[in-house]
Amino acid sequence: MEPSLPDIVGSLPSPIIGADSDLGRLFLADPRHDGAALLSHGRAAAIALGAVLFAWAWRWHGRGAVTLALVVAT
């Protein structure tokens, strides 16, 4: 998977724009991308990060730290 930004991004004066949700929609709807695969990969990465955070907090600080870490992470 080699995603690229929509063509409209090159014509913008700055990479930071006010319509971030529009840019995201354009990115996922771009026919060059598989939007469903991009979303599922992103969700899998977030779940993996949550699992690592859970394991690390549990190992080092116990149940209270796990609760705090997962509340802060969500």
PDB file of N, CA and C in Angstrom:
ATOM      1  N   MET A   1       0.845  -1.160   0.000  1.00  0.00           N
ATOM      2  CA  MET A   1       0.000   0.000   0.000  1.00  0.00           C
ATOM      3  C   MET A   1       0.900   1.237   0.000  1.00  0.00           C
ATOM      4  N   GLU A   2       0.718   2.073  -0.975  1.00  0.00           N
ATOM      5  CA  GLU A   2       1.479   3.316  -1.071  1.00  0.00           C
ATOM      6  C   GLU A   2       0.525   4.485  -1.248  1.00  0.00           C
ATOM      7  N   PRO A   3      -0.112   4.923  -0.155  1.00  0.00           N
ATOM      8  CA  PRO A   3      -1.058   6.030  -0.291  1.00  0.00           C
ATOM      9  C   PRO A   3      -0.359   7.337  -0.610  1.00  0.00           C
ATOM     10  N   SER A   4      -1.047   8.185  -1.322  1.00  0.00           N
ATOM     11  CA  SER A   4      -0.519   9.515  -1.639  1.00  0.00           C
ATOM     12  C   SER A   4      -1.617  10.532  -1.377  1.00  0.00           C
ATOM     13  N   LEU A   5      -1.209  11.765  -1.126  1.00  0.00           N
ATOM     14  CA  LEU A   5      -2.182  12.817  -0.857  1.00  0.00           C
ATOM     15  C   LEU A   5      -2.953  13.161  -2.130  1.00  0.00           C
ATOM     16  N   PRO A   6      -4.189  13.639  -1.979  1.00  0.00           N
ATOM     17  CA  PRO A   6      -4.964  14.050  -3.147  1.00  0.00           C
ATOM     18  C   PRO A   6      -4.249  15.147  -3.930  1.00  0.00           C
ATOM     19  N   ASP A   7      -4.528  15.215  -5.201  1.00  0.00           N
ATOM     20  CA  ASP A   7      -3.868  16.187  -6.076  1.00  0.00           C
ATOM     21  C   ASP A   7      -4.106  17.631  -5.648  1.00  0.00           C
ATOM     22  N   ILE A   8      -5.232  17.903  -5.013  1.00  0.00           N
ATOM     23  CA  ILE A   8      -5.555  19.275  -4.603  1.00  0.00           C
ATOM     24  C   ILE A   8      -4.564  19.812  -3.573  1.00  0.00           C
ATOM     25  N   VAL A   9      -3.907  18.939  -2.824  1.00  0.00           N
ATOM     26  CA  VAL A   9      -2.973  19.374  -1.787  1.00  0.00           C
ATOM     27  C   VAL A   9      -1.799  20.134  -2.395  1.00  0.00           C
ATOM     28  N   GLY A  10      -1.356  19.760  -3.566  1.00  0.00           N
ATOM     29  CA  GLY A  10      -0.252  20.448  -4.220  1.00  0.00           C
ATOM     30  C   GLY A  10      -0.575  21.869  -4.606  1.00  0.00           C
ATOM     31  N   SER A  11      -1.842  22.185  -4.787  1.00  0.00           N
ATOM     32  CA  SER A  11      -2.230  23.534  -5.186  1.00  0.00           C
ATOM     33  C   SER A  11      -2.528  24.437  -3.991  1.00  0.00           C
ATOM     34  N   LEU A  12      -2.473  23.895  -2.787  1.00  0.00           N
ATOM     35  CA  LEU A  12      -2.749  24.703  -1.598  1.00  0.00           C
ATOM     36  C   LEU A  12      -1.506  25.510  -1.213  1.00  0.00           C
ATOM     37  N   PRO A  13      -1.690  26.729  -0.687  1.00  0.00           N
ATOM     38  CA  PRO A  13      -0.546  27.550  -0.307  1.00  0.00           C
ATOM     39  C   PRO A  13       0.205  27.000   0.914  1.00  0.00           C
ATOM     40  N   SER A  14      -0.464  26.217   1.719  1.00  0.00           N
ATOM     41  CA  SER A  14       0.149  25.689   2.933  1.00  0.00           C
ATOM     42  C   SER A  14      -0.395  24.287   3.178  1.00  0.00           C
ATOM     43  N   PRO A  15       0.410  23.388   3.740  1.00  0.00           N
ATOM     44  CA  PRO A  15      -0.109  22.052   4.025  1.00  0.00           C
ATOM     45  C   PRO A  15      -1.117  22.047   5.166  1.00  0.00           C
ATOM     46  N   ILE A  16      -1.152  23.109   5.947  1.00  0.00           N
ATOM     47  CA  ILE A  16      -2.106  23.209   7.043  1.00  0.00           C
ATOM     48  C   ILE A  16      -3.310  23.977   6.530  1.00  0.00           C
ATOM     49  N   ILE A  17      -4.457  23.322   6.522  1.00  0.00           N
ATOM     50  CA  ILE A  17      -5.667  23.960   6.019  1.00  0.00           C
ATOM     51  C   ILE A  17      -6.758  23.841   7.065  1.00  0.00           C
ATOM     52  N   GLY A  18      -7.768  24.629   6.930  1.00  0.00           N
ATOM     53  CA  GLY A  18      -8.860  24.625   7.901  1.00  0.00           C
ATOM     54  C   GLY A  18      -9.845  23.496   7.689  1.00  0.00           C
ATOM     55  N   ALA A  19      -9.873  22.913   6.527  1.00  0.00           N
ATOM     56  CA  ALA A  19     -10.860  21.884   6.209  1.00  0.00           C
ATOM     57  C   ALA A  19     -10.222  20.501   6.268  1.00  0.00           C
ATOM     58  N   ASP A  20      -9.705  20.126   7.431  1.00  0.00           N
ATOM     59  CA  ASP A  20      -9.033  18.834   7.566  1.00  0.00           C
ATOM     60  C   ASP A  20      -9.964  17.663   7.281  1.00  0.00           C
ATOM     61  N   SER A  21     -11.230  17.779   7.692  1.00  0.00           N
ATOM     62  CA  SER A  21     -12.155  16.678   7.446  1.00  0.00           C
ATOM     63  C   SER A  21     -12.418  16.513   5.949  1.00  0.00           C
ATOM     64  N   ASP A  22     -12.436  17.610   5.219  1.00  0.00           N
ATOM     65  CA  ASP A  22     -12.611  17.517   3.767  1.00  0.00           C
ATOM     66  C   ASP A  22     -11.410  16.827   3.130  1.00  0.00           C
ATOM     67  N   LEU A  23     -10.220  17.157   3.600  1.00  0.00           N
ATOM     68  CA  LEU A  23      -9.013  16.533   3.075  1.00  0.00           C
ATOM     69  C   LEU A  23      -9.020  15.033   3.374  1.00  0.00           C
ATOM     70  N   GLY A  24      -9.445  14.659   4.570  1.00  0.00           N
ATOM     71  CA  GLY A  24      -9.537  13.240   4.927  1.00  0.00           C
ATOM     72  C   GLY A  24     -10.526  12.498   4.054  1.00  0.00           C
ATOM     73  N   ARG A  25     -11.663  13.135   3.807  1.00  0.00           N
ATOM     74  CA  ARG A  25     -12.669  12.520   2.938  1.00  0.00           C
ATOM     75  C   ARG A  25     -12.123  12.345   1.519  1.00  0.00           C
ATOM     76  N   LEU A  26     -11.441  13.359   1.010  1.00  0.00           N
ATOM     77  CA  LEU A  26     -10.835  13.260  -0.320  1.00  0.00           C
ATOM     78  C   LEU A  26      -9.780  12.158  -0.364  1.00  0.00           C
ATOM     79  N   PHE A  27      -8.990  12.050   0.702  1.00  0.00           N
ATOM     80  CA  PHE A  27      -7.934  11.042   0.775  1.00  0.00           C
ATOM     81  C   PHE A  27      -8.522   9.636   0.729  1.00  0.00           C
ATOM     82  N   LEU A  28      -9.561   9.390   1.539  1.00  0.00           N
ATOM     83  CA  LEU A  28     -10.141   8.050   1.585  1.00  0.00           C
ATOM     84  C   LEU A  28     -10.962   7.723   0.339  1.00  0.00           C
ATOM     85  N   ALA A  29     -11.534   8.743  -0.290  1.00  0.00           N
ATOM     86  CA  ALA A  29     -12.359   8.517  -1.472  1.00  0.00           C
ATOM     87  C   ALA A  29     -11.548   8.496  -2.761  1.00  0.00           C
ATOM     88  N   ASP A  30     -10.278   8.788  -2.689  1.00  0.00           N
ATOM     89  CA  ASP A  30      -9.418   8.797  -3.874  1.00  0.00           C
ATOM     90  C   ASP A  30      -9.411   7.402  -4.505  1.00  0.00           C
ATOM     91  N   PRO A  31      -9.687   7.310  -5.794  1.00  0.00           N
ATOM     92  CA  PRO A  31      -9.740   5.990  -6.436  1.00  0.00           C
ATOM     93  C   PRO A  31      -8.403   5.249  -6.439  1.00  0.00           C
ATOM     94  N   ARG A  32      -7.303   5.949  -6.187  1.00  0.00           N
ATOM     95  CA  ARG A  32      -6.002   5.285  -6.137  1.00  0.00           C
ATOM     96  C   ARG A  32      -5.808   4.509  -4.836  1.00  0.00           C
ATOM     97  N   HIS A  33      -6.688   4.724  -3.852  1.00  0.00           N
ATOM     98  CA  HIS A  33      -6.541   4.100  -2.538  1.00  0.00           C
ATOM     99  C   HIS A  33      -7.675   3.117  -2.278  1.00  0.00           C
ATOM    100  N   ASP A  34      -7.393   2.168  -1.416  1.00  0.00           N
ATOM    101  CA  ASP A  34      -8.428   1.292  -0.889  1.00  0.00           C
ATOM    102  C   ASP A  34      -8.782   1.835   0.489  1.00  0.00           C
ATOM    103  N   GLY A  35      -9.818   2.669   0.545  1.00  0.00           N
ATOM    104  CA  GLY A  35     -10.191   3.350   1.785  1.00  0.00           C
ATOM    105  C   GLY A  35     -10.490   2.396   2.923  1.00  0.00           C
ATOM    106  N   ALA A  36     -11.161   1.293   2.626  1.00  0.00           N
ATOM    107  CA  ALA A  36     -11.485   0.319   3.670  1.00  0.00           C
ATOM    108  C   ALA A  36     -10.212  -0.288   4.260  1.00  0.00           C
ATOM    109  N   ALA A  37      -9.237  -0.575   3.422  1.00  0.00           N
ATOM    110  CA  ALA A  37      -7.984  -1.149   3.907  1.00  0.00           C
ATOM    111  C   ALA A  37      -7.220  -0.130   4.743  1.00  0.00           C
ATOM    112  N   LEU A  38      -7.216   1.139   4.320  1.00  0.00           N
ATOM    113  CA  LEU A  38      -6.540   2.171   5.100  1.00  0.00           C
ATOM    114  C   LEU A  38      -7.169   2.315   6.480  1.00  0.00           C
ATOM    115  N   LEU A  39      -8.501   2.310   6.528  1.00  0.00           N
ATOM    116  CA  LEU A  39      -9.177   2.422   7.814  1.00  0.00           C
ATOM    117  C   LEU A  39      -8.910   1.212   8.697  1.00  0.00           C
ATOM    118  N   SER A  40      -8.947   0.021   8.131  1.00  0.00           N
ATOM    119  CA  SER A  40      -8.727  -1.179   8.942  1.00  0.00           C
ATOM    120  C   SER A  40      -7.285  -1.245   9.450  1.00  0.00           C
ATOM    121  N   HIS A  41      -6.325  -0.814   8.646  1.00  0.00           N
ATOM    122  CA  HIS A  41      -4.935  -0.774   9.109  1.00  0.00           C
ATOM    123  C   HIS A  41      -4.765   0.249  10.241  1.00  0.00           C
ATOM    124  N   GLY A  42      -5.411   1.371  10.109  1.00  0.00           N
ATOM    125  CA  GLY A  42      -5.342   2.390  11.162  1.00  0.00           C
ATOM    126  C   GLY A  42      -5.978   1.916  12.450  1.00  0.00           C
ATOM    127  N   ARG A  43      -7.107   1.253  12.344  1.00  0.00           N
ATOM    128  CA  ARG A  43      -7.771   0.714  13.542  1.00  0.00           C
ATOM    129  C   ARG A  43      -6.940  -0.372  14.191  1.00  0.00           C
ATOM    130  N   ALA A  44      -6.330  -1.229  13.377  1.00  0.00           N
ATOM    131  CA  ALA A  44      -5.485  -2.295  13.926  1.00  0.00           C
ATOM    132  C   ALA A  44      -4.282  -1.703  14.662  1.00  0.00           C
ATOM    133  N   ALA A  45      -3.707  -0.645  14.125  1.00  0.00           N
ATOM    134  CA  ALA A  45      -2.574   0.007  14.785  1.00  0.00           C
ATOM    135  C   ALA A  45      -3.010   0.615  16.123  1.00  0.00           C
ATOM    136  N   ALA A  46      -4.186   1.221  16.158  1.00  0.00           N
ATOM    137  CA  ALA A  46      -4.683   1.811  17.402  1.00  0.00           C
ATOM    138  C   ALA A  46      -4.950   0.733  18.453  1.00  0.00           C
ATOM    139  N   ILE A  47      -5.494  -0.395  18.032  1.00  0.00           N
ATOM    140  CA  ILE A  47      -5.751  -1.499  18.963  1.00  0.00           C
ATOM    141  C   ILE A  47      -4.442  -2.075  19.483  1.00  0.00           C
ATOM    142  N   ALA A  48      -3.463  -2.221  18.603  1.00  0.00           N
ATOM    143  CA  ALA A  48      -2.154  -2.737  19.025  1.00  0.00           C
ATOM    144  C   ALA A  48      -1.500  -1.788  20.026  1.00  0.00           C
ATOM    145  N   LEU A  49      -1.583  -0.496  19.776  1.00  0.00           N
ATOM    146  CA  LEU A  49      -1.025   0.481  20.701  1.00  0.00           C
ATOM    147  C   LEU A  49      -1.736   0.408  22.046  1.00  0.00           C
ATOM    148  N   GLY A  50      -3.048   0.257  22.029  1.00  0.00           N
ATOM    149  CA  GLY A  50      -3.803   0.118  23.272  1.00  0.00           C
ATOM    150  C   GLY A  50      -3.391  -1.126  24.049  1.00  0.00           C
ATOM    151  N   ALA A  51      -3.154  -2.239  23.342  1.00  0.00           N
ATOM    152  CA  ALA A  51      -2.738  -3.476  23.999  1.00  0.00           C
ATOM    153  C   ALA A  51      -1.354  -3.319  24.625  1.00  0.00           C
ATOM    154  N   VAL A  52      -0.444  -2.652  23.920  1.00  0.00           N
ATOM    155  CA  VAL A  52       0.897  -2.410  24.476  1.00  0.00           C
ATOM    156  C   VAL A  52       0.802  -1.496  25.693  1.00  0.00           C
ATOM    157  N   LEU A  53       0.003  -0.464  25.611  1.00  0.00           N
ATOM    158  CA  LEU A  53      -0.200   0.448  26.727  1.00  0.00           C
ATOM    159  C   LEU A  53      -0.777  -0.289  27.930  1.00  0.00           C
ATOM    160  N   PHE A  54      -1.761  -1.145  27.689  1.00  0.00           N
ATOM    161  CA  PHE A  54      -2.378  -1.941  28.744  1.00  0.00           C
ATOM    162  C   PHE A  54      -1.339  -2.825  29.423  1.00  0.00           C
ATOM    163  N   ALA A  55      -0.559  -3.557  28.631  1.00  0.00           N
ATOM    164  CA  ALA A  55       0.435  -4.483  29.182  1.00  0.00           C
ATOM    165  C   ALA A  55       1.521  -3.729  29.955  1.00  0.00           C
ATOM    166  N   TRP A  56       1.984  -2.615  29.403  1.00  0.00           N
ATOM    167  CA  TRP A  56       3.023  -1.845  30.068  1.00  0.00           C
ATOM    168  C   TRP A  56       2.520  -1.277  31.397  1.00  0.00           C
ATOM    169  N   ALA A  57       1.326  -0.697  31.391  1.00  0.00           N
ATOM    170  CA  ALA A  57       0.787  -0.113  32.620  1.00  0.00           C
ATOM    171  C   ALA A  57       0.548  -1.191  33.665  1.00  0.00           C
ATOM    172  N   TRP A  58       0.038  -2.340  33.249  1.00  0.00           N
ATOM    173  CA  TRP A  58      -0.225  -3.428  34.184  1.00  0.00           C
ATOM    174  C   TRP A  58       1.080  -3.933  34.809  1.00  0.00           C
ATOM    175  N   ARG A  59       2.072  -4.108  33.989  1.00  0.00           N
ATOM    176  CA  ARG A  59       3.355  -4.656  34.474  1.00  0.00           C
ATOM    177  C   ARG A  59       4.043  -3.710  35.455  1.00  0.00           C
ATOM    178  N   TRP A  60       4.026  -2.424  35.155  1.00  0.00           N
ATOM    179  CA  TRP A  60       4.780  -1.480  35.967  1.00  0.00           C
ATOM    180  C   TRP A  60       4.006  -0.887  37.141  1.00  0.00           C
ATOM    181  N   HIS A  61       2.687  -0.731  36.990  1.00  0.00           N
ATOM    182  CA  HIS A  61       1.973   0.025  38.020  1.00  0.00           C
ATOM    183  C   HIS A  61       0.664  -0.601  38.491  1.00  0.00           C
ATOM    184  N   GLY A  62       0.214  -1.691  37.909  1.00  0.00           N
ATOM    185  CA  GLY A  62      -0.981  -2.370  38.400  1.00  0.00           C
ATOM    186  C   GLY A  62      -2.288  -1.884  37.801  1.00  0.00           C
ATOM    187  N   ARG A  63      -3.368  -2.337  38.434  1.00  0.00           N
ATOM    188  CA  ARG A  63      -4.723  -2.125  37.911  1.00  0.00           C
ATOM    189  C   ARG A  63      -5.121  -0.653  37.808  1.00  0.00           C
ATOM    190  N   GLY A  64      -4.771   0.140  38.796  1.00  0.00           N
ATOM    191  CA  GLY A  64      -5.127   1.565  38.762  1.00  0.00           C
ATOM    192  C   GLY A  64      -4.488   2.281  37.585  1.00  0.00           C
ATOM    193  N   ALA A  65      -3.237   1.949  37.297  1.00  0.00           N
ATOM    194  CA  ALA A  65      -2.550   2.569  36.165  1.00  0.00           C
ATOM    195  C   ALA A  65      -3.164   2.155  34.847  1.00  0.00           C
ATOM    196  N   VAL A  66      -3.605   0.900  34.763  1.00  0.00           N
ATOM    197  CA  VAL A  66      -4.260   0.442  33.527  1.00  0.00           C
ATOM    198  C   VAL A  66      -5.525   1.254  33.291  1.00  0.00           C
ATOM    199  N   THR A  67      -6.312   1.405  34.330  1.00  0.00           N
ATOM    200  CA  THR A  67      -7.554   2.176  34.194  1.00  0.00           C
ATOM    201  C   THR A  67      -7.251   3.608  33.767  1.00  0.00           C
ATOM    202  N   LEU A  68      -6.318   4.230  34.423  1.00  0.00           N
ATOM    203  CA  LEU A  68      -5.958   5.611  34.090  1.00  0.00           C
ATOM    204  C   LEU A  68      -5.405   5.727  32.673  1.00  0.00           C
ATOM    205  N   ALA A  69      -4.536   4.804  32.289  1.00  0.00           N
ATOM    206  CA  ALA A  69      -3.920   4.843  30.953  1.00  0.00           C
ATOM    207  C   ALA A  69      -4.979   4.672  29.863  1.00  0.00           C
ATOM    208  N   LEU A  70      -5.896   3.749  30.052  1.00  0.00           N
ATOM    209  CA  LEU A  70      -6.910   3.523  29.016  1.00  0.00           C
ATOM    210  C   LEU A  70      -7.929   4.660  28.961  1.00  0.00           C
ATOM    211  N   VAL A  71      -8.226   5.270  30.096  1.00  0.00           N
ATOM    212  CA  VAL A  71      -9.130   6.429  30.089  1.00  0.00           C
ATOM    213  C   VAL A  71      -8.470   7.606  29.375  1.00  0.00           C
ATOM    214  N   VAL A  72      -7.201   7.835  29.657  1.00  0.00           N
ATOM    215  CA  VAL A  72      -6.484   8.941  29.011  1.00  0.00           C
ATOM    216  C   VAL A  72      -6.305   8.677  27.516  1.00  0.00           C
ATOM    217  N   ALA A  73      -6.086   7.411  27.148  1.00  0.00           N
ATOM    218  CA  ALA A  73      -5.849   7.067  25.745  1.00  0.00           C
ATOM    219  C   ALA A  73      -7.123   7.155  24.902  1.00  0.00           C
ATOM    220  N   THR A  74      -8.300   7.088  25.518  1.00  0.00           N
ATOM    221  CA  THR A  74      -9.528   7.114  24.721  1.00  0.00           C
ATOM    222  C   THR A  74     -10.198   8.430  24.753  1.00  0.00           C
TER     223      THR A  74
END
